[in-house]
Full PDB file with SEQRES, HELIX, SHEET, SSBOND, CRYST1, ORIGX, SCALE, CONECT and MASTER records, all heavy atoms in Angstrom:
SEQRES   1 A   41  THR TRP LEU GLY CYS THR GLY LEU ALA LEU ALA GLY LEU          
SEQRES   2 A   41  LEU ALA LEU THR GLY PRO SER ILE LEU VAL ALA VAL VAL          
SEQRES   3 A   41  PHE LEU GLY ALA LEU GLN LEU LEU CYS LEU GLY LEU LEU          
SEQRES   4 A   41  GLY GLU                                                      
HELIX    1 AA1 TRP A    2  THR A   17  1                                  16    
HELIX    2 AA2 ILE A   21  GLY A   40  1                                  20    
CRYST1    1.000    1.000    1.000  90.00  90.00  90.00 P 1           1          
ORIGX1      1.000000  0.000000  0.000000        0.00000                         
ORIGX2      0.000000  1.000000  0.000000        0.00000                         
ORIGX3      0.000000  0.000000  1.000000        0.00000                         
SCALE1      1.000000  0.000000  0.000000        0.00000                         
SCALE2      0.000000  1.000000  0.000000        0.00000                         
SCALE3      0.000000  0.000000  1.000000        0.00000                         
ATOM      1  N   THR A   1       0.834  -1.213  -0.003  1.00  0.00           N  
ATOM      2  CA  THR A   1      -0.003  -0.006  -0.008  1.00  0.00           C  
ATOM      3  C   THR A   1       0.850   1.240  -0.017  1.00  0.00           C  
ATOM      4  O   THR A   1       0.609   2.185  -0.778  1.00  0.00           O  
ATOM      5  CB  THR A   1      -0.918  -0.032   1.208  1.00  0.00           C  
ATOM      6  OG1 THR A   1      -1.756  -1.164   1.195  1.00  0.00           O  
ATOM      7  CG2 THR A   1      -1.831   1.245   1.214  1.00  0.00           C  
ATOM      8  N   TRP A   2       1.866   1.273   0.858  1.00  0.00           N  
ATOM      9  CA  TRP A   2       2.777   2.425   0.903  1.00  0.00           C  
ATOM     10  C   TRP A   2       3.556   2.575  -0.360  1.00  0.00           C  
ATOM     11  O   TRP A   2       3.804   3.729  -0.831  1.00  0.00           O  
ATOM     12  CB  TRP A   2       3.712   2.291   2.096  1.00  0.00           C  
ATOM     13  CG  TRP A   2       3.044   2.623   3.419  1.00  0.00           C  
ATOM     14  CD1 TRP A   2       2.685   1.766   4.411  1.00  0.00           C  
ATOM     15  CD2 TRP A   2       2.591   3.930   3.814  1.00  0.00           C  
ATOM     16  NE1 TRP A   2       2.027   2.450   5.417  1.00  0.00           N  
ATOM     17  CE2 TRP A   2       2.014   3.771   5.113  1.00  0.00           C  
ATOM     18  CE3 TRP A   2       2.703   5.202   3.282  1.00  0.00           C  
ATOM     19  CZ2 TRP A   2       1.513   4.843   5.833  1.00  0.00           C  
ATOM     20  CZ3 TRP A   2       2.175   6.266   3.995  1.00  0.00           C  
ATOM     21  CH2 TRP A   2       1.600   6.094   5.258  1.00  0.00           C  
ATOM     22  N   LEU A   3       3.959   1.486  -0.961  1.00  0.00           N  
ATOM     23  CA  LEU A   3       4.664   1.574  -2.263  1.00  0.00           C  
ATOM     24  C   LEU A   3       3.747   2.172  -3.328  1.00  0.00           C  
ATOM     25  O   LEU A   3       4.208   2.944  -4.194  1.00  0.00           O  
ATOM     26  CB  LEU A   3       5.133   0.199  -2.692  1.00  0.00           C  
ATOM     27  CG  LEU A   3       6.346  -0.353  -1.947  1.00  0.00           C  
ATOM     28  CD1 LEU A   3       6.637  -1.771  -2.402  1.00  0.00           C  
ATOM     29  CD2 LEU A   3       7.595   0.507  -2.196  1.00  0.00           C  
ATOM     30  N   GLY A   4       2.457   1.780  -3.287  1.00  0.00           N  
ATOM     31  CA  GLY A   4       1.533   2.383  -4.229  1.00  0.00           C  
ATOM     32  C   GLY A   4       1.381   3.846  -4.067  1.00  0.00           C  
ATOM     33  O   GLY A   4       1.368   4.637  -5.038  1.00  0.00           O  
ATOM     34  N   CYS A   5       1.319   4.328  -2.782  1.00  0.00           N  
ATOM     35  CA  CYS A   5       1.186   5.744  -2.513  1.00  0.00           C  
ATOM     36  C   CYS A   5       2.463   6.466  -2.986  1.00  0.00           C  
ATOM     37  O   CYS A   5       2.443   7.542  -3.551  1.00  0.00           O  
ATOM     38  CB  CYS A   5       0.972   5.981  -1.012  1.00  0.00           C  
ATOM     39  SG  CYS A   5      -0.629   5.416  -0.451  1.00  0.00           S  
ATOM     40  N   THR A   6       3.614   5.836  -2.683  1.00  0.00           N  
ATOM     41  CA  THR A   6       4.881   6.427  -3.144  1.00  0.00           C  
ATOM     42  C   THR A   6       4.990   6.542  -4.622  1.00  0.00           C  
ATOM     43  O   THR A   6       5.444   7.537  -5.188  1.00  0.00           O  
ATOM     44  CB  THR A   6       6.071   5.574  -2.572  1.00  0.00           C  
ATOM     45  OG1 THR A   6       5.994   5.475  -1.131  1.00  0.00           O  
ATOM     46  CG2 THR A   6       7.413   6.215  -2.953  1.00  0.00           C  
ATOM     47  N   GLY A   7       4.524   5.454  -5.305  1.00  0.00           N  
ATOM     48  CA  GLY A   7       4.602   5.472  -6.740  1.00  0.00           C  
ATOM     49  C   GLY A   7       3.676   6.557  -7.352  1.00  0.00           C  
ATOM     50  O   GLY A   7       4.050   7.215  -8.320  1.00  0.00           O  
ATOM     51  N   LEU A   8       2.500   6.755  -6.707  1.00  0.00           N  
ATOM     52  CA  LEU A   8       1.596   7.810  -7.173  1.00  0.00           C  
ATOM     53  C   LEU A   8       2.230   9.177  -7.015  1.00  0.00           C  
ATOM     54  O   LEU A   8       2.123  10.039  -7.919  1.00  0.00           O  
ATOM     55  CB  LEU A   8       0.287   7.701  -6.394  1.00  0.00           C  
ATOM     56  CG  LEU A   8      -0.811   8.692  -6.803  1.00  0.00           C  
ATOM     57  CD1 LEU A   8      -1.212   8.444  -8.250  1.00  0.00           C  
ATOM     58  CD2 LEU A   8      -2.012   8.530  -5.894  1.00  0.00           C  
ATOM     59  N   ALA A   9       2.892   9.401  -5.881  1.00  0.00           N  
ATOM     60  CA  ALA A   9       3.525  10.701  -5.644  1.00  0.00           C  
ATOM     61  C   ALA A   9       4.672  10.915  -6.639  1.00  0.00           C  
ATOM     62  O   ALA A   9       4.798  12.035  -7.200  1.00  0.00           O  
ATOM     63  CB  ALA A   9       4.030  10.756  -4.251  1.00  0.00           C  
ATOM     64  N   LEU A  10       5.460   9.884  -6.909  1.00  0.00           N  
ATOM     65  CA  LEU A  10       6.568  10.031  -7.803  1.00  0.00           C  
ATOM     66  C   LEU A  10       6.069  10.247  -9.227  1.00  0.00           C  
ATOM     67  O   LEU A  10       6.682  10.971 -10.040  1.00  0.00           O  
ATOM     68  CB  LEU A  10       7.457   8.767  -7.736  1.00  0.00           C  
ATOM     69  CG  LEU A  10       8.329   8.698  -6.493  1.00  0.00           C  
ATOM     70  CD1 LEU A  10       9.094   7.366  -6.522  1.00  0.00           C  
ATOM     71  CD2 LEU A  10       9.285   9.849  -6.377  1.00  0.00           C  
ATOM     72  N   ALA A  11       4.977   9.580  -9.537  1.00  0.00           N  
ATOM     73  CA  ALA A  11       4.389   9.765 -10.868  1.00  0.00           C  
ATOM     74  C   ALA A  11       3.960  11.226 -11.103  1.00  0.00           C  
ATOM     75  O   ALA A  11       4.168  11.797 -12.165  1.00  0.00           O  
ATOM     76  CB  ALA A  11       3.175   8.846 -11.092  1.00  0.00           C  
ATOM     77  N   GLY A  12       3.341  11.829 -10.051  1.00  0.00           N  
ATOM     78  CA  GLY A  12       2.984  13.233 -10.143  1.00  0.00           C  
ATOM     79  C   GLY A  12       4.230  14.104 -10.303  1.00  0.00           C  
ATOM     80  O   GLY A  12       4.207  15.095 -11.084  1.00  0.00           O  
ATOM     81  N   LEU A  13       5.280  13.800  -9.583  1.00  0.00           N  
ATOM     82  CA  LEU A  13       6.530  14.564  -9.673  1.00  0.00           C  
ATOM     83  C   LEU A  13       7.187  14.428 -11.029  1.00  0.00           C  
ATOM     84  O   LEU A  13       7.617  15.389 -11.655  1.00  0.00           O  
ATOM     85  CB  LEU A  13       7.508  14.078  -8.610  1.00  0.00           C  
ATOM     86  CG  LEU A  13       8.863  14.801  -8.528  1.00  0.00           C  
ATOM     87  CD1 LEU A  13       8.649  16.265  -8.219  1.00  0.00           C  
ATOM     88  CD2 LEU A  13       9.795  14.148  -7.504  1.00  0.00           C  
ATOM     89  N   LEU A  14       7.115  13.198 -11.584  1.00  0.00           N  
ATOM     90  CA  LEU A  14       7.658  12.975 -12.931  1.00  0.00           C  
ATOM     91  C   LEU A  14       6.870  13.738 -13.946  1.00  0.00           C  
ATOM     92  O   LEU A  14       7.413  14.256 -14.949  1.00  0.00           O  
ATOM     93  CB  LEU A  14       7.680  11.475 -13.233  1.00  0.00           C  
ATOM     94  CG  LEU A  14       8.672  10.616 -12.460  1.00  0.00           C  
ATOM     95  CD1 LEU A  14       8.456   9.155 -12.753  1.00  0.00           C  
ATOM     96  CD2 LEU A  14      10.097  11.032 -12.805  1.00  0.00           C  
ATOM     97  N   ALA A  15       5.520  13.840 -13.776  1.00  0.00           N  
ATOM     98  CA  ALA A  15       4.696  14.573 -14.707  1.00  0.00           C  
ATOM     99  C   ALA A  15       5.062  16.041 -14.747  1.00  0.00           C  
ATOM    100  O   ALA A  15       4.996  16.691 -15.789  1.00  0.00           O  
ATOM    101  CB  ALA A  15       3.247  14.371 -14.379  1.00  0.00           C  
ATOM    102  N   LEU A  16       5.446  16.582 -13.577  1.00  0.00           N  
ATOM    103  CA  LEU A  16       5.807  18.021 -13.513  1.00  0.00           C  
ATOM    104  C   LEU A  16       7.169  18.292 -14.114  1.00  0.00           C  
ATOM    105  O   LEU A  16       7.387  19.310 -14.738  1.00  0.00           O  
ATOM    106  CB  LEU A  16       5.762  18.435 -12.027  1.00  0.00           C  
ATOM    107  CG  LEU A  16       4.389  18.478 -11.371  1.00  0.00           C  
ATOM    108  CD1 LEU A  16       4.527  18.822  -9.910  1.00  0.00           C  
ATOM    109  CD2 LEU A  16       3.476  19.419 -12.070  1.00  0.00           C  
ATOM    110  N   THR A  17       8.091  17.352 -13.897  1.00  0.00           N  
ATOM    111  CA  THR A  17       9.450  17.575 -14.396  1.00  0.00           C  
ATOM    112  C   THR A  17       9.623  17.189 -15.871  1.00  0.00           C  
ATOM    113  O   THR A  17      10.615  17.561 -16.475  1.00  0.00           O  
ATOM    114  CB  THR A  17      10.476  16.812 -13.553  1.00  0.00           C  
ATOM    115  OG1 THR A  17      10.128  15.418 -13.566  1.00  0.00           O  
ATOM    116  CG2 THR A  17      10.452  17.343 -12.116  1.00  0.00           C  
ATOM    117  N   GLY A  18       8.696  16.453 -16.366  1.00  0.00           N  
ATOM    118  CA  GLY A  18       8.676  16.128 -17.821  1.00  0.00           C  
ATOM    119  C   GLY A  18       9.765  15.166 -18.285  1.00  0.00           C  
ATOM    120  O   GLY A  18      10.329  15.404 -19.364  1.00  0.00           O  
ATOM    121  N   PRO A  19      10.017  14.077 -17.562  1.00  0.00           N  
ATOM    122  CA  PRO A  19      11.019  13.081 -18.073  1.00  0.00           C  
ATOM    123  C   PRO A  19      10.354  12.182 -19.104  1.00  0.00           C  
ATOM    124  O   PRO A  19       9.192  12.379 -19.451  1.00  0.00           O  
ATOM    125  CB  PRO A  19      11.390  12.337 -16.814  1.00  0.00           C  
ATOM    126  CG  PRO A  19      10.110  12.373 -16.016  1.00  0.00           C  
ATOM    127  CD  PRO A  19       9.505  13.691 -16.284  1.00  0.00           C  
ATOM    128  N   SER A  20      11.106  11.168 -19.491  1.00  0.00           N  
ATOM    129  CA  SER A  20      10.628  10.190 -20.464  1.00  0.00           C  
ATOM    130  C   SER A  20       9.413   9.490 -19.926  1.00  0.00           C  
ATOM    131  O   SER A  20       9.369   9.015 -18.763  1.00  0.00           O  
ATOM    132  CB  SER A  20      11.703   9.170 -20.810  1.00  0.00           C  
ATOM    133  OG  SER A  20      11.174   8.122 -21.562  1.00  0.00           O  
ATOM    134  N   ILE A  21       8.364   9.421 -20.755  1.00  0.00           N  
ATOM    135  CA  ILE A  21       7.151   8.707 -20.366  1.00  0.00           C  
ATOM    136  C   ILE A  21       7.455   7.237 -20.152  1.00  0.00           C  
ATOM    137  O   ILE A  21       6.877   6.576 -19.269  1.00  0.00           O  
ATOM    138  CB  ILE A  21       6.056   8.866 -21.446  1.00  0.00           C  
ATOM    139  CG1 ILE A  21       5.616  10.345 -21.518  1.00  0.00           C  
ATOM    140  CG2 ILE A  21       4.843   7.957 -21.138  1.00  0.00           C  
ATOM    141  CD1 ILE A  21       4.609  10.591 -22.602  1.00  0.00           C  
ATOM    142  N   LEU A  22       8.387   6.722 -20.872  1.00  0.00           N  
ATOM    143  CA  LEU A  22       8.776   5.279 -20.757  1.00  0.00           C  
ATOM    144  C   LEU A  22       9.256   4.973 -19.386  1.00  0.00           C  
ATOM    145  O   LEU A  22       8.927   3.932 -18.768  1.00  0.00           O  
ATOM    146  CB  LEU A  22       9.847   4.932 -21.817  1.00  0.00           C  
ATOM    147  CG  LEU A  22      10.327   3.463 -21.779  1.00  0.00           C  
ATOM    148  CD1 LEU A  22       9.199   2.497 -22.022  1.00  0.00           C  
ATOM    149  CD2 LEU A  22      11.449   3.261 -22.783  1.00  0.00           C  
ATOM    150  N   VAL A  23      10.096   5.865 -18.795  1.00  0.00           N  
ATOM    151  CA  VAL A  23      10.643   5.682 -17.451  1.00  0.00           C  
ATOM    152  C   VAL A  23       9.487   5.583 -16.442  1.00  0.00           C  
ATOM    153  O   VAL A  23       9.453   4.723 -15.569  1.00  0.00           O  
ATOM    154  CB  VAL A  23      11.593   6.797 -17.075  1.00  0.00           C  
ATOM    155  CG1 VAL A  23      12.037   6.680 -15.609  1.00  0.00           C  
ATOM    156  CG2 VAL A  23      12.791   6.775 -18.000  1.00  0.00           C  
ATOM    157  N   ALA A  24       8.553   6.548 -16.590  1.00  0.00           N  
ATOM    158  CA  ALA A  24       7.440   6.557 -15.647  1.00  0.00           C  
ATOM    159  C   ALA A  24       6.581   5.285 -15.748  1.00  0.00           C  
ATOM    160  O   ALA A  24       6.128   4.735 -14.746  1.00  0.00           O  
ATOM    161  CB  ALA A  24       6.566   7.781 -15.897  1.00  0.00           C  
ATOM    162  N   VAL A  25       6.341   4.827 -16.993  1.00  0.00           N  
ATOM    163  CA  VAL A  25       5.537   3.619 -17.216  1.00  0.00           C  
ATOM    164  C   VAL A  25       6.201   2.406 -16.609  1.00  0.00           C  
ATOM    165  O   VAL A  25       5.569   1.578 -15.922  1.00  0.00           O  
ATOM    166  CB  VAL A  25       5.247   3.443 -18.699  1.00  0.00           C  
ATOM    167  CG1 VAL A  25       4.605   2.051 -18.959  1.00  0.00           C  
ATOM    168  CG2 VAL A  25       4.343   4.555 -19.204  1.00  0.00           C  
ATOM    169  N   VAL A  26       7.523   2.287 -16.879  1.00  0.00           N  
ATOM    170  CA  VAL A  26       8.272   1.126 -16.353  1.00  0.00           C  
ATOM    171  C   VAL A  26       8.282   1.144 -14.832  1.00  0.00           C  
ATOM    172  O   VAL A  26       8.076   0.102 -14.180  1.00  0.00           O  
ATOM    173  CB  VAL A  26       9.717   1.168 -16.893  1.00  0.00           C  
ATOM    174  CG1 VAL A  26      10.545   0.100 -16.182  1.00  0.00           C  
ATOM    175  CG2 VAL A  26       9.703   0.872 -18.411  1.00  0.00           C  
ATOM    176  N   PHE A  27       8.468   2.310 -14.233  1.00  0.00           N  
ATOM    177  CA  PHE A  27       8.524   2.411 -12.776  1.00  0.00           C  
ATOM    178  C   PHE A  27       7.181   2.027 -12.153  1.00  0.00           C  
ATOM    179  O   PHE A  27       7.134   1.231 -11.247  1.00  0.00           O  
ATOM    180  CB  PHE A  27       8.894   3.857 -12.385  1.00  0.00           C  
ATOM    181  CG  PHE A  27       8.880   4.120 -10.905  1.00  0.00           C  
ATOM    182  CD1 PHE A  27       9.870   3.661 -10.099  1.00  0.00           C  
ATOM    183  CD2 PHE A  27       7.798   4.803 -10.340  1.00  0.00           C  
ATOM    184  CE1 PHE A  27       9.867   3.897  -8.712  1.00  0.00           C  
ATOM    185  CE2 PHE A  27       7.772   5.025  -8.993  1.00  0.00           C  
ATOM    186  CZ  PHE A  27       8.773   4.567  -8.170  1.00  0.00           C  
ATOM    187  N   LEU A  28       6.119   2.558 -12.663  1.00  0.00           N  
ATOM    188  CA  LEU A  28       4.799   2.233 -12.108  1.00  0.00           C  
ATOM    189  C   LEU A  28       4.428   0.796 -12.365  1.00  0.00           C  
ATOM    190  O   LEU A  28       3.798   0.168 -11.522  1.00  0.00           O  
ATOM    191  CB  LEU A  28       3.757   3.189 -12.677  1.00  0.00           C  
ATOM    192  CG  LEU A  28       3.865   4.660 -12.262  1.00  0.00           C  
ATOM    193  CD1 LEU A  28       2.878   5.523 -13.015  1.00  0.00           C  
ATOM    194  CD2 LEU A  28       3.664   4.789 -10.775  1.00  0.00           C  
ATOM    195  N   GLY A  29       4.830   0.315 -13.519  1.00  0.00           N  
ATOM    196  CA  GLY A  29       4.539  -1.130 -13.840  1.00  0.00           C  
ATOM    197  C   GLY A  29       5.233  -2.058 -12.867  1.00  0.00           C  
ATOM    198  O   GLY A  29       4.682  -3.083 -12.408  1.00  0.00           O  
ATOM    199  N   ALA A  30       6.500  -1.706 -12.540  1.00  0.00           N  
ATOM    200  CA  ALA A  30       7.266  -2.503 -11.600  1.00  0.00           C  
ATOM    201  C   ALA A  30       6.622  -2.509 -10.251  1.00  0.00           C  
ATOM    202  O   ALA A  30       6.539  -3.533  -9.547  1.00  0.00           O  
ATOM    203  CB  ALA A  30       8.703  -2.032 -11.522  1.00  0.00           C  
ATOM    204  N   LEU A  31       6.146  -1.338  -9.782  1.00  0.00           N  
ATOM    205  CA  LEU A  31       5.469  -1.215  -8.490  1.00  0.00           C  
ATOM    206  C   LEU A  31       4.205  -2.115  -8.480  1.00  0.00           C  
ATOM    207  O   LEU A  31       3.907  -2.783  -7.495  1.00  0.00           O  
ATOM    208  CB  LEU A  31       5.116   0.201  -8.172  1.00  0.00           C  
ATOM    209  CG  LEU A  31       6.223   1.098  -7.645  1.00  0.00           C  
ATOM    210  CD1 LEU A  31       5.692   2.494  -7.354  1.00  0.00           C  
ATOM    211  CD2 LEU A  31       6.788   0.502  -6.336  1.00  0.00           C  
ATOM    212  N   GLN A  32       3.455  -2.075  -9.543  1.00  0.00           N  
ATOM    213  CA  GLN A  32       2.211  -2.839  -9.602  1.00  0.00           C  
ATOM    214  C   GLN A  32       2.511  -4.339  -9.562  1.00  0.00           C  
ATOM    215  O   GLN A  32       1.824  -5.102  -8.856  1.00  0.00           O  
ATOM    216  CB  GLN A  32       1.430  -2.515 -10.881  1.00  0.00           C  
ATOM    217  CG  GLN A  32       0.861  -1.114 -10.891  1.00  0.00           C  
ATOM    218  CD  GLN A  32       0.185  -0.766 -12.215  1.00  0.00           C  
ATOM    219  OE1 GLN A  32       0.509  -1.359 -13.235  1.00  0.00           O  
ATOM    220  NE2 GLN A  32      -0.729   0.168 -12.203  1.00  0.00           N  
ATOM    221  N   LEU A  33       3.523  -4.777 -10.267  1.00  0.00           N  
ATOM    222  CA  LEU A  33       3.863  -6.181 -10.250  1.00  0.00           C  
ATOM    223  C   LEU A  33       4.348  -6.644  -8.853  1.00  0.00           C  
ATOM    224  O   LEU A  33       4.023  -7.736  -8.387  1.00  0.00           O  
ATOM    225  CB  LEU A  33       4.950  -6.459 -11.288  1.00  0.00           C  
ATOM    226  CG  LEU A  33       4.512  -6.397 -12.755  1.00  0.00           C  
ATOM    227  CD1 LEU A  33       5.693  -6.581 -13.677  1.00  0.00           C  
ATOM    228  CD2 LEU A  33       3.424  -7.440 -13.076  1.00  0.00           C  
ATOM    229  N   LEU A  34       5.084  -5.760  -8.219  1.00  0.00           N  
ATOM    230  CA  LEU A  34       5.571  -6.077  -6.861  1.00  0.00           C  
ATOM    231  C   LEU A  34       4.377  -6.227  -5.936  1.00  0.00           C  
ATOM    232  O   LEU A  34       4.316  -7.174  -5.114  1.00  0.00           O  
ATOM    233  CB  LEU A  34       6.510  -5.008  -6.354  1.00  0.00           C  
ATOM    234  CG  LEU A  34       7.015  -5.111  -4.901  1.00  0.00           C  
ATOM    235  CD1 LEU A  34       7.752  -6.433  -4.709  1.00  0.00           C  
ATOM    236  CD2 LEU A  34       7.875  -3.936  -4.536  1.00  0.00           C  
ATOM    237  N   CYS A  35       3.462  -5.315  -5.975  1.00  0.00           N  
ATOM    238  CA  CYS A  35       2.288  -5.355  -5.111  1.00  0.00           C  
ATOM    239  C   CYS A  35       1.447  -6.594  -5.417  1.00  0.00           C  
ATOM    240  O   CYS A  35       0.939  -7.236  -4.484  1.00  0.00           O  
ATOM    241  CB  CYS A  35       1.458  -4.101  -5.252  1.00  0.00           C  
ATOM    242  SG  CYS A  35       2.325  -2.611  -4.719  1.00  0.00           S  
ATOM    243  N   LEU A  36       1.280  -6.934  -6.678  1.00  0.00           N  
ATOM    244  CA  LEU A  36       0.531  -8.132  -7.045  1.00  0.00           C  
ATOM    245  C   LEU A  36       1.232  -9.395  -6.528  1.00  0.00           C  
ATOM    246  O   LEU A  36       0.552 -10.329  -6.086  1.00  0.00           O  
ATOM    247  CB  LEU A  36       0.346  -8.205  -8.582  1.00  0.00           C  
ATOM    248  CG  LEU A  36      -0.700  -7.251  -9.175  1.00  0.00           C  
ATOM    249  CD1 LEU A  36      -0.656  -7.324 -10.701  1.00  0.00           C  
ATOM    250  CD2 LEU A  36      -2.095  -7.586  -8.659  1.00  0.00           C  
ATOM    251  N   GLY A  37       2.544  -9.391  -6.606  1.00  0.00           N  
ATOM    252  CA  GLY A  37       3.311 -10.537  -6.098  1.00  0.00           C  
ATOM    253  C   GLY A  37       3.095 -10.750  -4.618  1.00  0.00           C  
ATOM    254  O   GLY A  37       2.926 -11.853  -4.120  1.00  0.00           O  
ATOM    255  N   LEU A  38       3.143  -9.648  -3.855  1.00  0.00           N  
ATOM    256  CA  LEU A  38       2.909  -9.736  -2.403  1.00  0.00           C  
ATOM    257  C   LEU A  38       1.517 -10.241  -2.113  1.00  0.00           C  
ATOM    258  O   LEU A  38       1.293 -11.113  -1.250  1.00  0.00           O  
ATOM    259  CB  LEU A  38       3.139  -8.360  -1.733  1.00  0.00           C  
ATOM    260  CG  LEU A  38       4.554  -7.845  -1.725  1.00  0.00           C  
ATOM    261  CD1 LEU A  38       4.596  -6.407  -1.232  1.00  0.00           C  
ATOM    262  CD2 LEU A  38       5.441  -8.721  -0.851  1.00  0.00           C  
ATOM    263  N   LEU A  39       0.534  -9.710  -2.812  1.00  0.00           N  
ATOM    264  CA  LEU A  39      -0.856 -10.180  -2.630  1.00  0.00           C  
ATOM    265  C   LEU A  39      -0.975 -11.625  -3.029  1.00  0.00           C  
ATOM    266  O   LEU A  39      -1.647 -12.419  -2.338  1.00  0.00           O  
ATOM    267  CB  LEU A  39      -1.795  -9.306  -3.499  1.00  0.00           C  
ATOM    268  CG  LEU A  39      -3.278  -9.691  -3.412  1.00  0.00           C  
ATOM    269  CD1 LEU A  39      -3.782  -9.523  -2.015  1.00  0.00           C  
ATOM    270  CD2 LEU A  39      -4.061  -8.787  -4.391  1.00  0.00           C  
ATOM    271  N   GLY A  40      -0.280 -12.035  -4.078  1.00  0.00           N  
ATOM    272  CA  GLY A  40      -0.347 -13.403  -4.551  1.00  0.00           C  
ATOM    273  C   GLY A  40       0.204 -14.405  -3.547  1.00  0.00           C  
ATOM    274  O   GLY A  40      -0.339 -15.526  -3.400  1.00  0.00           O  
ATOM    275  N   GLU A  41       1.211 -14.035  -2.737  1.00  0.00           N  
ATOM    276  CA  GLU A  41       1.747 -14.884  -1.716  1.00  0.00           C  
ATOM    277  C   GLU A  41       0.640 -15.260  -0.707  1.00  0.00           C  
ATOM    278  O   GLU A  41       0.523 -16.385  -0.267  1.00  0.00           O  
ATOM    279  CB  GLU A  41       2.927 -14.248  -1.033  1.00  0.00           C  
ATOM    280  CG  GLU A  41       4.211 -14.265  -1.808  1.00  0.00           C  
ATOM    281  CD  GLU A  41       4.726 -15.683  -1.966  1.00  0.00           C  
ATOM    282  OE1 GLU A  41       4.501 -16.522  -1.066  1.00  0.00           O  
ATOM    283  OE2 GLU A  41       5.387 -15.944  -3.003  1.00  0.00           O  
TER     284      GLU A  41                                                      
MASTER        0    0    0    2    0    0    0    6  283    1    0    4          
END                                                                             
């Protein structure tokens, strides 16, 4: 849950600074997979 909140905050920060969209997508995707893995256990 905290990782999801952190990822959401970082996504907002990345949107303001204007980096590569690919970096933001990969980062958020990794967070989602991690959270799904924990839930899957």
